[in-house]
C-alpha cells in the first residue's frame, strides 16, 4: 500500500496479488475536511484498471492514475 497527498486529497493505493500472479489495483480517495480537521473517505476501493496487471508497480501506477483523474475531474 502507498499513500500519496495531492492538495486536500489523499490517495490510498493498493494492489492485491491474484492466484494467477497478476495484480489487481485499487484506489481509495480521502478529502481533508476543515470542520473535522481530518480526512474523510469520498471514494472507496475503486478499481484502478479493467484488467489485472503484470507487476505490483504497474498496478500501483494504474491506481494512481485512476485516483488522480478522479480528483482532476472535479467530481469529488
PDB file of N, CA and C in Angstrom:
ATOM      1  N   UNK A   1       0.848  -1.179   0.000  1.00  0.00           N
ATOM      2  CA  UNK A   1       0.000   0.000   0.000  1.00  0.00           C
ATOM      3  C   UNK A   1       0.889   1.237   0.000  1.00  0.00           C
ATOM      4  N   UNK A   2       0.422   2.251  -0.683  1.00  0.00           N
ATOM      5  CA  UNK A   2       1.110   3.542  -0.713  1.00  0.00           C
ATOM      6  C   UNK A   2       0.074   4.631  -0.475  1.00  0.00           C
ATOM      7  N   UNK A   3       0.496   5.692   0.194  1.00  0.00           N
ATOM      8  CA  UNK A   3      -0.369   6.846   0.420  1.00  0.00           C
ATOM      9  C   UNK A   3       0.311   8.062  -0.190  1.00  0.00           C
ATOM     10  N   UNK A   4      -0.445   8.785  -1.004  1.00  0.00           N
ATOM     11  CA  UNK A   4       0.074   9.994  -1.631  1.00  0.00           C
ATOM     12  C   UNK A   4      -0.913  11.131  -1.394  1.00  0.00           C
ATOM     13  N   UNK A   5      -0.382  12.325  -1.225  1.00  0.00           N
ATOM     14  CA  UNK A   5      -1.209  13.504  -0.996  1.00  0.00           C
ATOM     15  C   UNK A   5      -1.163  14.400  -2.220  1.00  0.00           C
ATOM     16  N   UNK A   6      -2.342  14.824  -2.668  1.00  0.00           N
ATOM     17  CA  UNK A   6      -2.478  15.770  -3.779  1.00  0.00           C
ATOM     18  C   UNK A   6      -3.408  16.873  -3.291  1.00  0.00           C
ATOM     19  N   UNK A   7      -2.842  18.025  -2.952  1.00  0.00           N
ATOM     20  CA  UNK A   7      -3.657  19.116  -2.427  1.00  0.00           C
ATOM     21  C   UNK A   7      -4.367  18.694  -1.155  1.00  0.00           C
ATOM     22  N   UNK A   8      -5.702  18.791  -1.134  1.00  0.00           N
ATOM     23  CA  UNK A   8      -6.508  18.403   0.028  1.00  0.00           C
ATOM     24  C   UNK A   8      -6.929  16.941  -0.005  1.00  0.00           C
ATOM     25  N   UNK A   9      -6.361  16.162  -0.909  1.00  0.00           N
ATOM     26  CA  UNK A   9      -6.752  14.766  -1.079  1.00  0.00           C
ATOM     27  C   UNK A   9      -5.609  13.818  -0.730  1.00  0.00           C
ATOM     28  N   UNK A  10      -5.975  12.643  -0.265  1.00  0.00           N
ATOM     29  CA  UNK A  10      -5.036  11.551  -0.098  1.00  0.00           C
ATOM     30  C   UNK A  10      -5.491  10.401  -0.982  1.00  0.00           C
ATOM     31  N   UNK A  11      -4.537   9.765  -1.646  1.00  0.00           N
ATOM     32  CA  UNK A  11      -4.799   8.550  -2.403  1.00  0.00           C
ATOM     33  C   UNK A  11      -4.209   7.381  -1.632  1.00  0.00           C
ATOM     34  N   UNK A  12      -5.025   6.386  -1.350  1.00  0.00           N
ATOM     35  CA  UNK A  12      -4.548   5.155  -0.733  1.00  0.00           C
ATOM     36  C   UNK A  12      -4.514   4.117  -1.857  1.00  0.00           C
ATOM     37  N   UNK A  13      -3.315   3.776  -2.286  1.00  0.00           N
ATOM     38  CA  UNK A  13      -3.107   2.910  -3.437  1.00  0.00           C
ATOM     39  C   UNK A  13      -2.778   1.501  -2.964  1.00  0.00           C
ATOM     40  N   UNK A  14      -3.549   0.530  -3.440  1.00  0.00           N
ATOM     41  CA  UNK A  14      -3.300  -0.858  -3.067  1.00  0.00           C
ATOM     42  C   UNK A  14      -3.337  -1.742  -4.303  1.00  0.00           C
ATOM     43  N   UNK A  15      -2.661  -2.866  -4.187  1.00  0.00           N
ATOM     44  CA  UNK A  15      -2.677  -3.861  -5.257  1.00  0.00           C
ATOM     45  C   UNK A  15      -2.700  -5.238  -4.597  1.00  0.00           C
ATOM     46  N   UNK A  16      -3.607  -6.071  -5.042  1.00  0.00           N
ATOM     47  CA  UNK A  16      -3.750  -7.413  -4.491  1.00  0.00           C
ATOM     48  C   UNK A  16      -3.265  -8.425  -5.507  1.00  0.00           C
ATOM     49  N   UNK A  17      -2.424  -9.345  -5.034  1.00  0.00           N
ATOM     50  CA  UNK A  17      -1.927 -10.385  -5.930  1.00  0.00           C
ATOM     51  C   UNK A  17      -2.992 -11.462  -6.094  1.00  0.00           C
ATOM     52  N   UNK A  18      -3.259 -11.802  -7.329  1.00  0.00           N
ATOM     53  CA  UNK A  18      -4.241 -12.831  -7.658  1.00  0.00           C
ATOM     54  C   UNK A  18      -3.547 -14.188  -7.755  1.00  0.00           C
ATOM     55  N   UNK A  19      -4.296 -15.287  -7.671  1.00  0.00           N
ATOM     56  CA  UNK A  19      -3.688 -16.609  -7.794  1.00  0.00           C
ATOM     57  C   UNK A  19      -2.897 -16.794  -9.097  1.00  0.00           C
ATOM     58  N   UNK A  20      -3.267 -16.056 -10.120  1.00  0.00           N
ATOM     59  CA  UNK A  20      -2.584 -16.143 -11.414  1.00  0.00           C
ATOM     60  C   UNK A  20      -1.204 -15.488 -11.396  1.00  0.00           C
ATOM     61  N   UNK A  21      -0.903 -14.725 -10.302  1.00  0.00           N
ATOM     62  CA  UNK A  21       0.356 -13.998 -10.231  1.00  0.00           C
ATOM     63  C   UNK A  21       0.232 -12.575 -10.739  1.00  0.00           C
ATOM     64  N   UNK A  22      -0.927 -12.234 -11.291  1.00  0.00           N
ATOM     65  CA  UNK A  22      -1.179 -10.859 -11.729  1.00  0.00           C
ATOM     66  C   UNK A  22      -1.636 -10.030 -10.536  1.00  0.00           C
ATOM     67  N   UNK A  23      -1.698  -8.702 -10.736  1.00  0.00           N
ATOM     68  CA  UNK A  23      -2.030  -7.782  -9.652  1.00  0.00           C
ATOM     69  C   UNK A  23      -3.274  -6.972  -9.993  1.00  0.00           C
ATOM     70  N   UNK A  24      -4.189  -6.848  -9.019  1.00  0.00           N
ATOM     71  CA  UNK A  24      -5.441  -6.110  -9.187  1.00  0.00           C
ATOM     72  C   UNK A  24      -5.340  -4.793  -8.408  1.00  0.00           C
ATOM     73  N   UNK A  25      -5.335  -3.628  -9.106  1.00  0.00           N
ATOM     74  CA  UNK A  25      -5.141  -2.348  -8.436  1.00  0.00           C
ATOM     75  C   UNK A  25      -6.442  -1.702  -7.948  1.00  0.00           C
ATOM     76  N   UNK A  26      -6.339  -1.011  -6.803  1.00  0.00           N
ATOM     77  CA  UNK A  26      -7.469  -0.286  -6.239  1.00  0.00           C
ATOM     78  C   UNK A  26      -6.985   1.043  -5.668  1.00  0.00           C
ATOM     79  N   UNK A  27      -7.900   2.012  -5.626  1.00  0.00           N
ATOM     80  CA  UNK A  27      -7.597   3.299  -5.008  1.00  0.00           C
ATOM     81  C   UNK A  27      -8.769   3.723  -4.132  1.00  0.00           C
ATOM     82  N   UNK A  28      -8.439   4.266  -2.964  1.00  0.00           N
ATOM     83  CA  UNK A  28      -9.410   4.898  -2.085  1.00  0.00           C
ATOM     84  C   UNK A  28      -8.993   6.360  -1.971  1.00  0.00           C
ATOM     85  N   UNK A  29      -9.958   7.273  -2.107  1.00  0.00           N
ATOM     86  CA  UNK A  29      -9.659   8.703  -2.083  1.00  0.00           C
ATOM     87  C   UNK A  29     -10.277   9.317  -0.825  1.00  0.00           C
ATOM     88  N   UNK A  30      -9.451  10.061  -0.101  1.00  0.00           N
ATOM     89  CA  UNK A  30      -9.903  10.787   1.080  1.00  0.00           C
ATOM     90  C   UNK A  30      -9.700  12.278   0.836  1.00  0.00           C
ATOM     91  N   UNK A  31     -10.581  13.085   1.401  1.00  0.00           N
ATOM     92  CA  UNK A  31     -10.502  14.541   1.260  1.00  0.00           C
ATOM     93  C   UNK A  31     -10.435  15.153   2.652  1.00  0.00           C
ATOM     94  N   UNK A  32      -9.574  16.161   2.806  1.00  0.00           N
ATOM     95  CA  UNK A  32      -9.450  16.824   4.096  1.00  0.00           C
ATOM     96  C   UNK A  32     -10.690  17.663   4.365  1.00  0.00           C
ATOM     97  N   UNK A  33     -11.283  17.472   5.528  1.00  0.00           N
ATOM     98  CA  UNK A  33     -12.470  18.209   5.950  1.00  0.00           C
ATOM     99  C   UNK A  33     -12.039  19.219   7.003  1.00  0.00           C
ATOM    100  N   UNK A  34     -12.167  20.507   6.675  1.00  0.00           N
ATOM    101  CA  UNK A  34     -11.731  21.568   7.592  1.00  0.00           C
ATOM    102  C   UNK A  34     -12.481  21.531   8.918  1.00  0.00           C
ATOM    103  N   UNK A  35     -13.766  21.264   8.872  1.00  0.00           N
ATOM    104  CA  UNK A  35     -14.568  21.244  10.097  1.00  0.00           C
ATOM    105  C   UNK A  35     -14.138  20.109  11.027  1.00  0.00           C
ATOM    106  N   UNK A  36     -13.845  18.969  10.459  1.00  0.00           N
ATOM    107  CA  UNK A  36     -13.437  17.802  11.249  1.00  0.00           C
ATOM    108  C   UNK A  36     -11.943  17.801  11.557  1.00  0.00           C
ATOM    109  N   UNK A  37     -11.181  18.596  10.775  1.00  0.00           N
ATOM    110  CA  UNK A  37      -9.723  18.594  10.884  1.00  0.00           C
ATOM    111  C   UNK A  37      -9.151  17.191  10.706  1.00  0.00           C
ATOM    112  N   UNK A  38      -9.721  16.484   9.721  1.00  0.00           N
ATOM    113  CA  UNK A  38      -9.294  15.118   9.426  1.00  0.00           C
ATOM    114  C   UNK A  38      -9.710  14.779   8.003  1.00  0.00           C
ATOM    115  N   UNK A  39      -9.168  13.698   7.483  1.00  0.00           N
ATOM    116  CA  UNK A  39      -9.548  13.220   6.158  1.00  0.00           C
ATOM    117  C   UNK A  39     -10.786  12.341   6.249  1.00  0.00           C
ATOM    118  N   UNK A  40     -11.700  12.506   5.276  1.00  0.00           N
ATOM    119  CA  UNK A  40     -12.882  11.648   5.196  1.00  0.00           C
ATOM    120  C   UNK A  40     -12.864  10.940   3.844  1.00  0.00           C
ATOM    121  N   UNK A  41     -13.371   9.735   3.826  1.00  0.00           N
ATOM    122  CA  UNK A  41     -13.391   8.931   2.601  1.00  0.00           C
ATOM    123  C   UNK A  41     -14.465   9.467   1.653  1.00  0.00           C
ATOM    124  N   UNK A  42     -14.074   9.735   0.404  1.00  0.00           N
ATOM    125  CA  UNK A  42     -15.031  10.215  -0.594  1.00  0.00           C
ATOM    126  C   UNK A  42     -15.191   9.225  -1.756  1.00  0.00           C
ATOM    127  N   UNK A  43     -14.305   8.246  -1.853  1.00  0.00           N
ATOM    128  CA  UNK A  43     -14.415   7.190  -2.865  1.00  0.00           C
ATOM    129  C   UNK A  43     -13.630   5.995  -2.346  1.00  0.00           C
ATOM    130  N   UNK A  44     -14.306   4.870  -2.188  1.00  0.00           N
ATOM    131  CA  UNK A  44     -13.667   3.718  -1.549  1.00  0.00           C
ATOM    132  C   UNK A  44     -13.448   2.562  -2.513  1.00  0.00           C
ATOM    133  N   UNK A  45     -12.225   2.061  -2.531  1.00  0.00           N
ATOM    134  CA  UNK A  45     -11.808   0.844  -3.219  1.00  0.00           C
ATOM    135  C   UNK A  45     -12.306   0.785  -4.670  1.00  0.00           C
ATOM    136  N   UNK A  46     -11.923   1.802  -5.431  1.00  0.00           N
ATOM    137  CA  UNK A  46     -12.253   1.832  -6.855  1.00  0.00           C
ATOM    138  C   UNK A  46     -11.206   1.046  -7.632  1.00  0.00           C
ATOM    139  N   UNK A  47     -11.659   0.294  -8.620  1.00  0.00           N
ATOM    140  CA  UNK A  47     -10.710  -0.442  -9.465  1.00  0.00           C
ATOM    141  C   UNK A  47      -9.817   0.538 -10.216  1.00  0.00           C
ATOM    142  N   UNK A  48      -8.542   0.234 -10.265  1.00  0.00           N
ATOM    143  CA  UNK A  48      -7.583   1.075 -10.957  1.00  0.00           C
ATOM    144  C   UNK A  48      -7.333   0.659 -12.380  1.00  0.00           C
ATOM    145  N   UNK A  49      -7.890  -0.488 -12.780  1.00  0.00           N
ATOM    146  CA  UNK A  49      -7.667  -0.998 -14.130  1.00  0.00           C
ATOM    147  C   UNK A  49      -8.747  -2.025 -14.447  1.00  0.00           C
ATOM    148  N   UNK A  50      -9.129  -2.071 -15.707  1.00  0.00           N
ATOM    149  CA  UNK A  50     -10.144  -3.042 -16.123  1.00  0.00           C
ATOM    150  C   UNK A  50      -9.588  -4.469 -16.108  1.00  0.00           C
ATOM    151  N   UNK A  51      -8.281  -4.579 -16.257  1.00  0.00           N
ATOM    152  CA  UNK A  51      -7.623  -5.890 -16.298  1.00  0.00           C
ATOM    153  C   UNK A  51      -6.514  -5.944 -15.251  1.00  0.00           C
ATOM    154  N   UNK A  52      -6.263  -7.121 -14.670  1.00  0.00           N
ATOM    155  CA  UNK A  52      -5.120  -7.271 -13.770  1.00  0.00           C
ATOM    156  C   UNK A  52      -3.813  -6.984 -14.519  1.00  0.00           C
ATOM    157  N   UNK A  53      -2.812  -6.558 -13.771  1.00  0.00           N
ATOM    158  CA  UNK A  53      -1.544  -6.153 -14.374  1.00  0.00           C
ATOM    159  C   UNK A  53      -0.409  -7.086 -13.950  1.00  0.00           C
ATOM    160  N   UNK A  54       0.672  -7.043 -14.707  1.00  0.00           N
ATOM    161  CA  UNK A  54       1.772  -7.998 -14.544  1.00  0.00           C
ATOM    162  C   UNK A  54       2.579  -7.815 -13.265  1.00  0.00           C
ATOM    163  N   UNK A  55       2.725  -6.572 -12.793  1.00  0.00           N
ATOM    164  CA  UNK A  55       3.560  -6.341 -11.612  1.00  0.00           C
ATOM    165  C   UNK A  55       2.854  -5.446 -10.600  1.00  0.00           C
ATOM    166  N   UNK A  56       3.338  -5.512  -9.380  1.00  0.00           N
ATOM    167  CA  UNK A  56       2.815  -4.662  -8.311  1.00  0.00           C
ATOM    168  C   UNK A  56       3.001  -3.191  -8.670  1.00  0.00           C
ATOM    169  N   UNK A  57       4.172  -2.829  -9.166  1.00  0.00           N
ATOM    170  CA  UNK A  57       4.442  -1.432  -9.524  1.00  0.00           C
ATOM    171  C   UNK A  57       3.493  -0.919 -10.598  1.00  0.00           C
ATOM    172  N   UNK A  58       3.207  -1.730 -11.605  1.00  0.00           N
ATOM    173  CA  UNK A  58       2.263  -1.326 -12.654  1.00  0.00           C
ATOM    174  C   UNK A  58       0.865  -1.137 -12.078  1.00  0.00           C
ATOM    175  N   UNK A  59       0.494  -2.005 -11.144  1.00  0.00           N
ATOM    176  CA  UNK A  59      -0.831  -1.907 -10.523  1.00  0.00           C
ATOM    177  C   UNK A  59      -0.947  -0.640  -9.676  1.00  0.00           C
ATOM    178  N   UNK A  60       0.086  -0.315  -8.908  1.00  0.00           N
ATOM    179  CA  UNK A  60       0.066   0.904  -8.098  1.00  0.00           C
ATOM    180  C   UNK A  60      -0.015   2.129  -9.001  1.00  0.00           C
ATOM    181  N   UNK A  61       0.723   2.122 -10.104  1.00  0.00           N
ATOM    182  CA  UNK A  61       0.681   3.248 -11.043  1.00  0.00           C
ATOM    183  C   UNK A  61      -0.714   3.392 -11.662  1.00  0.00           C
ATOM    184  N   UNK A  62      -1.368   2.290 -11.987  1.00  0.00           N
ATOM    185  CA  UNK A  62      -2.721   2.347 -12.541  1.00  0.00           C
ATOM    186  C   UNK A  62      -3.696   2.907 -11.517  1.00  0.00           C
ATOM    187  N   UNK A  63      -3.562   2.508 -10.261  1.00  0.00           N
ATOM    188  CA  UNK A  63      -4.415   3.042  -9.200  1.00  0.00           C
ATOM    189  C   UNK A  63      -4.173   4.543  -9.036  1.00  0.00           C
ATOM    190  N   UNK A  64      -2.911   4.970  -9.112  1.00  0.00           N
ATOM    191  CA  UNK A  64      -2.552   6.385  -9.014  1.00  0.00           C
ATOM    192  C   UNK A  64      -3.214   7.186 -10.134  1.00  0.00           C
ATOM    193  N   UNK A  65      -3.148   6.679 -11.356  1.00  0.00           N
ATOM    194  CA  UNK A  65      -3.763   7.381 -12.492  1.00  0.00           C
ATOM    195  C   UNK A  65      -5.268   7.509 -12.303  1.00  0.00           C
ATOM    196  N   UNK A  66      -5.909   6.458 -11.832  1.00  0.00           N
ATOM    197  CA  UNK A  66      -7.358   6.486 -11.610  1.00  0.00           C
ATOM    198  C   UNK A  66      -7.727   7.524 -10.556  1.00  0.00           C
ATOM    199  N   UNK A  67      -7.022   7.529  -9.432  1.00  0.00           N
ATOM    200  CA  UNK A  67      -7.304   8.486  -8.384  1.00  0.00           C
ATOM    201  C   UNK A  67      -7.044   9.920  -8.801  1.00  0.00           C
ATOM    202  N   UNK A  68      -5.938  10.141  -9.499  1.00  0.00           N
ATOM    203  CA  UNK A  68      -5.603  11.473  -9.971  1.00  0.00           C
ATOM    204  C   UNK A  68      -6.643  11.983 -10.960  1.00  0.00           C
ATOM    205  N   UNK A  69      -7.075  11.124 -11.868  1.00  0.00           N
ATOM    206  CA  UNK A  69      -8.087  11.514 -12.856  1.00  0.00           C
ATOM    207  C   UNK A  69      -9.401  11.882 -12.161  1.00  0.00           C
ATOM    208  N   UNK A  70      -9.752  11.131 -11.126  1.00  0.00           N
ATOM    209  CA  UNK A  70     -10.988  11.426 -10.388  1.00  0.00           C
ATOM    210  C   UNK A  70     -10.895  12.789  -9.697  1.00  0.00           C
ATOM    211  N   UNK A  71      -9.764  13.085  -9.090  1.00  0.00           N
ATOM    212  CA  UNK A  71      -9.570  14.388  -8.441  1.00  0.00           C
ATOM    213  C   UNK A  71      -9.624  15.504  -9.468  1.00  0.00           C
ATOM    214  N   UNK A  72      -8.907  15.336 -10.576  1.00  0.00           N
ATOM    215  CA  UNK A  72      -8.855  16.377 -11.607  1.00  0.00           C
ATOM    216  C   UNK A  72     -10.187  16.595 -12.298  1.00  0.00           C
ATOM    217  N   UNK A  73     -11.061  15.594 -12.271  1.00  0.00           N
ATOM    218  CA  UNK A  73     -12.373  15.750 -12.910  1.00  0.00           C
ATOM    219  C   UNK A  73     -13.285  16.707 -12.129  1.00  0.00           C
ATOM    220  N   UNK A  74     -12.953  16.941 -10.856  1.00  0.00           N
ATOM    221  CA  UNK A  74     -13.771  17.834 -10.034  1.00  0.00           C
ATOM    222  C   UNK A  74     -15.033  17.191  -9.488  1.00  0.00           C
ATOM    223  N   UNK A  75     -15.184  15.883  -9.634  1.00  0.00           N
ATOM    224  CA  UNK A  75     -16.392  15.201  -9.170  1.00  0.00           C
ATOM    225  C   UNK A  75     -16.392  14.904  -7.685  1.00  0.00           C
ATOM    226  N   UNK A  76     -15.296  15.180  -7.008  1.00  0.00           N
ATOM    227  CA  UNK A  76     -15.244  14.884  -5.569  1.00  0.00           C
ATOM    228  C   UNK A  76     -15.396  16.134  -4.740  1.00  0.00           C
TER     229      UNK A  76
END
